[in-house]
Structure formats: C-alpha cells, structure tokens
Amino acid sequence: MVVPVTVQTCFNAEILVLAFTNITNVMDSNNVQMGRMNRTAL
C-alpha cells in the first residue's frame, strides 16, 4: 500500500510543478506584453 501512495504523491507534486510553471510563464508573457504596450503608448 505504501508504494502506490508514494507514486501518487510524486505524480501530484509533478502536476503542481507543471501548473506553477505554466502560470509563471503566462504571467511573464503578460508582463512582457504590458511592457511593450507601455513603451508603445509612451
């Protein structure tokens, strides 16, 4: 019973890391777009 739980935990952790990376990438791209718009407006 211990092994499946460990695998499940690792799997969940991997999903969390992937989700966090995706969110960070989206935030970065949004910041870049905002910076471009601000430069264009100025």
PDB file of N, CA and C in Angstrom:
ATOM      1  N   MET A   1       0.830  -1.214   0.000  1.00  0.00           N
ATOM      2  CA  MET A   1       0.000   0.000   0.000  1.00  0.00           C
ATOM      3  C   MET A   1       0.867   1.268   0.000  1.00  0.00           C
ATOM      4  N   VAL A   2       2.086   1.141   0.517  1.00  0.00           N
ATOM      5  CA  VAL A   2       2.932   2.336   0.649  1.00  0.00           C
ATOM      6  C   VAL A   2       3.396   2.828  -0.716  1.00  0.00           C
ATOM      7  N   VAL A   3       3.745   1.890  -1.601  1.00  0.00           N
ATOM      8  CA  VAL A   3       4.315   2.288  -2.895  1.00  0.00           C
ATOM      9  C   VAL A   3       3.327   3.100  -3.730  1.00  0.00           C
ATOM     10  N   PRO A   4       2.068   2.652  -3.903  1.00  0.00           N
ATOM     11  CA  PRO A   4       1.131   3.452  -4.707  1.00  0.00           C
ATOM     12  C   PRO A   4       0.939   4.856  -4.147  1.00  0.00           C
ATOM     13  N   VAL A   5       0.903   4.979  -2.826  1.00  0.00           N
ATOM     14  CA  VAL A   5       0.734   6.304  -2.214  1.00  0.00           C
ATOM     15  C   VAL A   5       1.917   7.198  -2.570  1.00  0.00           C
ATOM     16  N   THR A   6       3.120   6.639  -2.508  1.00  0.00           N
ATOM     17  CA  THR A   6       4.319   7.418  -2.837  1.00  0.00           C
ATOM     18  C   THR A   6       4.281   7.857  -4.296  1.00  0.00           C
ATOM     19  N   VAL A   7       3.902   6.940  -5.179  1.00  0.00           N
ATOM     20  CA  VAL A   7       3.822   7.263  -6.609  1.00  0.00           C
ATOM     21  C   VAL A   7       2.782   8.351  -6.825  1.00  0.00           C
ATOM     22  N   GLN A   8       1.631   8.220  -6.153  1.00  0.00           N
ATOM     23  CA  GLN A   8       0.569   9.215  -6.300  1.00  0.00           C
ATOM     24  C   GLN A   8       1.059  10.580  -5.820  1.00  0.00           C
ATOM     25  N   THR A   9       1.776  10.602  -4.713  1.00  0.00           N
ATOM     26  CA  THR A   9       2.285  11.869  -4.181  1.00  0.00           C
ATOM     27  C   THR A   9       3.262  12.508  -5.161  1.00  0.00           C
ATOM     28  N   CYS A  10       4.164  11.706  -5.716  1.00  0.00           N
ATOM     29  CA  CYS A  10       5.127  12.223  -6.693  1.00  0.00           C
ATOM     30  C   CYS A  10       4.393  12.755  -7.919  1.00  0.00           C
ATOM     31  N   PHE A  11       3.357  12.024  -8.331  1.00  0.00           N
ATOM     32  CA  PHE A  11       2.586  12.436  -9.502  1.00  0.00           C
ATOM     33  C   PHE A  11       1.905  13.775  -9.238  1.00  0.00           C
ATOM     34  N   ASN A  12       1.296  13.912  -8.049  1.00  0.00           N
ATOM     35  CA  ASN A  12       0.630  15.164  -7.689  1.00  0.00           C
ATOM     36  C   ASN A  12       1.636  16.309  -7.635  1.00  0.00           C
ATOM     37  N   ALA A  13       2.801  16.044  -7.075  1.00  0.00           N
ATOM     38  CA  ALA A  13       3.830  17.081  -6.979  1.00  0.00           C
ATOM     39  C   ALA A  13       4.260  17.520  -8.376  1.00  0.00           C
ATOM     40  N   GLU A  14       4.371  16.551  -9.293  1.00  0.00           N
ATOM     41  CA  GLU A  14       4.784  16.877 -10.659  1.00  0.00           C
ATOM     42  C   GLU A  14       3.734  17.764 -11.321  1.00  0.00           C
ATOM     43  N   ILE A  15       2.455  17.426 -11.115  1.00  0.00           N
ATOM     44  CA  ILE A  15       1.371  18.236 -11.694  1.00  0.00           C
ATOM     45  C   ILE A  15       1.420  19.650 -11.122  1.00  0.00           C
ATOM     46  N   LEU A  16       1.661  19.758  -9.814  1.00  0.00           N
ATOM     47  CA  LEU A  16       1.732  21.079  -9.187  1.00  0.00           C
ATOM     48  C   LEU A  16       2.872  21.891  -9.789  1.00  0.00           C
ATOM     49  N   VAL A  17       4.022  21.254  -9.977  1.00  0.00           N
ATOM     50  CA  VAL A  17       5.176  21.959 -10.548  1.00  0.00           C
ATOM     51  C   VAL A  17       4.864  22.418 -11.966  1.00  0.00           C
ATOM     52  N   LEU A  18       4.234  21.533 -12.755  1.00  0.00           N
ATOM     53  CA  LEU A  18       3.888  21.887 -14.136  1.00  0.00           C
ATOM     54  C   LEU A  18       2.896  23.050 -14.153  1.00  0.00           C
ATOM     55  N   ALA A  19       1.887  22.978 -13.297  1.00  0.00           N
ATOM     56  CA  ALA A  19       0.881  24.042 -13.244  1.00  0.00           C
ATOM     57  C   ALA A  19       1.539  25.357 -12.834  1.00  0.00           C
ATOM     58  N   PHE A  20       2.418  25.295 -11.830  1.00  0.00           N
ATOM     59  CA  PHE A  20       3.097  26.507 -11.370  1.00  0.00           C
ATOM     60  C   PHE A  20       3.957  27.100 -12.482  1.00  0.00           C
ATOM     61  N   THR A  21       4.652  26.233 -13.222  1.00  0.00           N
ATOM     62  CA  THR A  21       5.494  26.698 -14.326  1.00  0.00           C
ATOM     63  C   THR A  21       4.644  27.357 -15.402  1.00  0.00           C
ATOM     64  N   ASN A  22       3.503  26.729 -15.724  1.00  0.00           N
ATOM     65  CA  ASN A  22       2.626  27.295 -16.748  1.00  0.00           C
ATOM     66  C   ASN A  22       2.106  28.655 -16.311  1.00  0.00           C
ATOM     67  N   ILE A  23       1.681  28.770 -15.042  1.00  0.00           N
ATOM     68  CA  ILE A  23       1.155  30.041 -14.532  1.00  0.00           C
ATOM     69  C   ILE A  23       2.244  31.105 -14.583  1.00  0.00           C
ATOM     70  N   THR A  24       3.465  30.721 -14.191  1.00  0.00           N
ATOM     71  CA  THR A  24       4.576  31.681 -14.201  1.00  0.00           C
ATOM     72  C   THR A  24       4.863  32.147 -15.622  1.00  0.00           C
ATOM     73  N   ASN A  25       4.833  31.219 -16.578  1.00  0.00           N
ATOM     74  CA  ASN A  25       5.090  31.578 -17.976  1.00  0.00           C
ATOM     75  C   ASN A  25       4.023  32.540 -18.474  1.00  0.00           C
ATOM     76  N   VAL A  26       2.767  32.284 -18.139  1.00  0.00           N
ATOM     77  CA  VAL A  26       1.672  33.163 -18.570  1.00  0.00           C
ATOM     78  C   VAL A  26       1.856  34.546 -17.963  1.00  0.00           C
ATOM     79  N   MET A  27       2.213  34.593 -16.673  1.00  0.00           N
ATOM     80  CA  MET A  27       2.416  35.880 -16.013  1.00  0.00           C
ATOM     81  C   MET A  27       3.561  36.635 -16.689  1.00  0.00           C
ATOM     82  N   ASP A  28       4.656  35.930 -17.005  1.00  0.00           N
ATOM     83  CA  ASP A  28       5.805  36.563 -17.657  1.00  0.00           C
ATOM     84  C   ASP A  28       5.399  37.136 -19.011  1.00  0.00           C
ATOM     85  N   SER A  29       4.661  36.356 -19.812  1.00  0.00           N
ATOM     86  CA  SER A  29       4.266  36.825 -21.136  1.00  0.00           C
ATOM     87  C   SER A  29       3.329  38.022 -21.006  1.00  0.00           C
ATOM     88  N   ASN A  30       2.447  38.011 -19.996  1.00  0.00           N
ATOM     89  CA  ASN A  30       1.553  39.149 -19.781  1.00  0.00           C
ATOM     90  C   ASN A  30       2.364  40.388 -19.413  1.00  0.00           C
ATOM     91  N   ASN A  31       3.369  40.218 -18.547  1.00  0.00           N
ATOM     92  CA  ASN A  31       4.210  41.349 -18.154  1.00  0.00           C
ATOM     93  C   ASN A  31       4.952  41.905 -19.360  1.00  0.00           C
ATOM     94  N   VAL A  32       5.445  41.027 -20.231  1.00  0.00           N
ATOM     95  CA  VAL A  32       6.161  41.474 -21.430  1.00  0.00           C
ATOM     96  C   VAL A  32       5.217  42.261 -22.327  1.00  0.00           C
ATOM     97  N   GLN A  33       3.997  41.756 -22.493  1.00  0.00           N
ATOM     98  CA  GLN A  33       3.025  42.457 -23.339  1.00  0.00           C
ATOM     99  C   GLN A  33       2.699  43.825 -22.745  1.00  0.00           C
ATOM    100  N   MET A  34       2.518  43.887 -21.427  1.00  0.00           N
ATOM    101  CA  MET A  34       2.224  45.165 -20.780  1.00  0.00           C
ATOM    102  C   MET A  34       3.389  46.134 -20.987  1.00  0.00           C
ATOM    103  N   GLY A  35       4.613  45.643 -20.860  1.00  0.00           N
ATOM    104  CA  GLY A  35       5.784  46.487 -21.059  1.00  0.00           C
ATOM    105  C   GLY A  35       5.827  47.026 -22.476  1.00  0.00           C
ATOM    106  N   ARG A  36       5.508  46.181 -23.445  1.00  0.00           N
ATOM    107  CA  ARG A  36       5.506  46.624 -24.847  1.00  0.00           C
ATOM    108  C   ARG A  36       4.435  47.694 -25.052  1.00  0.00           C
ATOM    109  N   MET A  37       3.258  47.459 -24.481  1.00  0.00           N
ATOM    110  CA  MET A  37       2.162  48.426 -24.653  1.00  0.00           C
ATOM    111  C   MET A  37       2.537  49.752 -24.007  1.00  0.00           C
ATOM    112  N   ASN A  38       3.166  49.701 -22.830  1.00  0.00           N
ATOM    113  CA  ASN A  38       3.571  50.933 -22.154  1.00  0.00           C
ATOM    114  C   ASN A  38       4.602  51.685 -22.990  1.00  0.00           C
ATOM    115  N   ARG A  39       5.552  50.961 -23.579  1.00  0.00           N
ATOM    116  CA  ARG A  39       6.565  51.612 -24.411  1.00  0.00           C
ATOM    117  C   ARG A  39       5.918  52.215 -25.646  1.00  0.00           C
ATOM    118  N   THR A  40       4.952  51.479 -26.227  1.00  0.00           N
ATOM    119  CA  THR A  40       4.283  51.989 -27.430  1.00  0.00           C
ATOM    120  C   THR A  40       3.478  53.239 -27.085  1.00  0.00           C
ATOM    121  N   ALA A  41       2.798  53.219 -25.919  1.00  0.00           N
ATOM    122  CA  ALA A  41       1.983  54.365 -25.515  1.00  0.00           C
ATOM    123  C   ALA A  41       2.875  55.578 -25.284  1.00  0.00           C
ATOM    124  N   LEU A  42       4.046  55.338 -24.671  1.00  0.00           N
ATOM    125  CA  LEU A  42       4.955  56.462 -24.426  1.00  0.00           C
ATOM    126  C   LEU A  42       5.578  56.915 -25.738  1.00  0.00           C
TER     127      LEU A  42
END
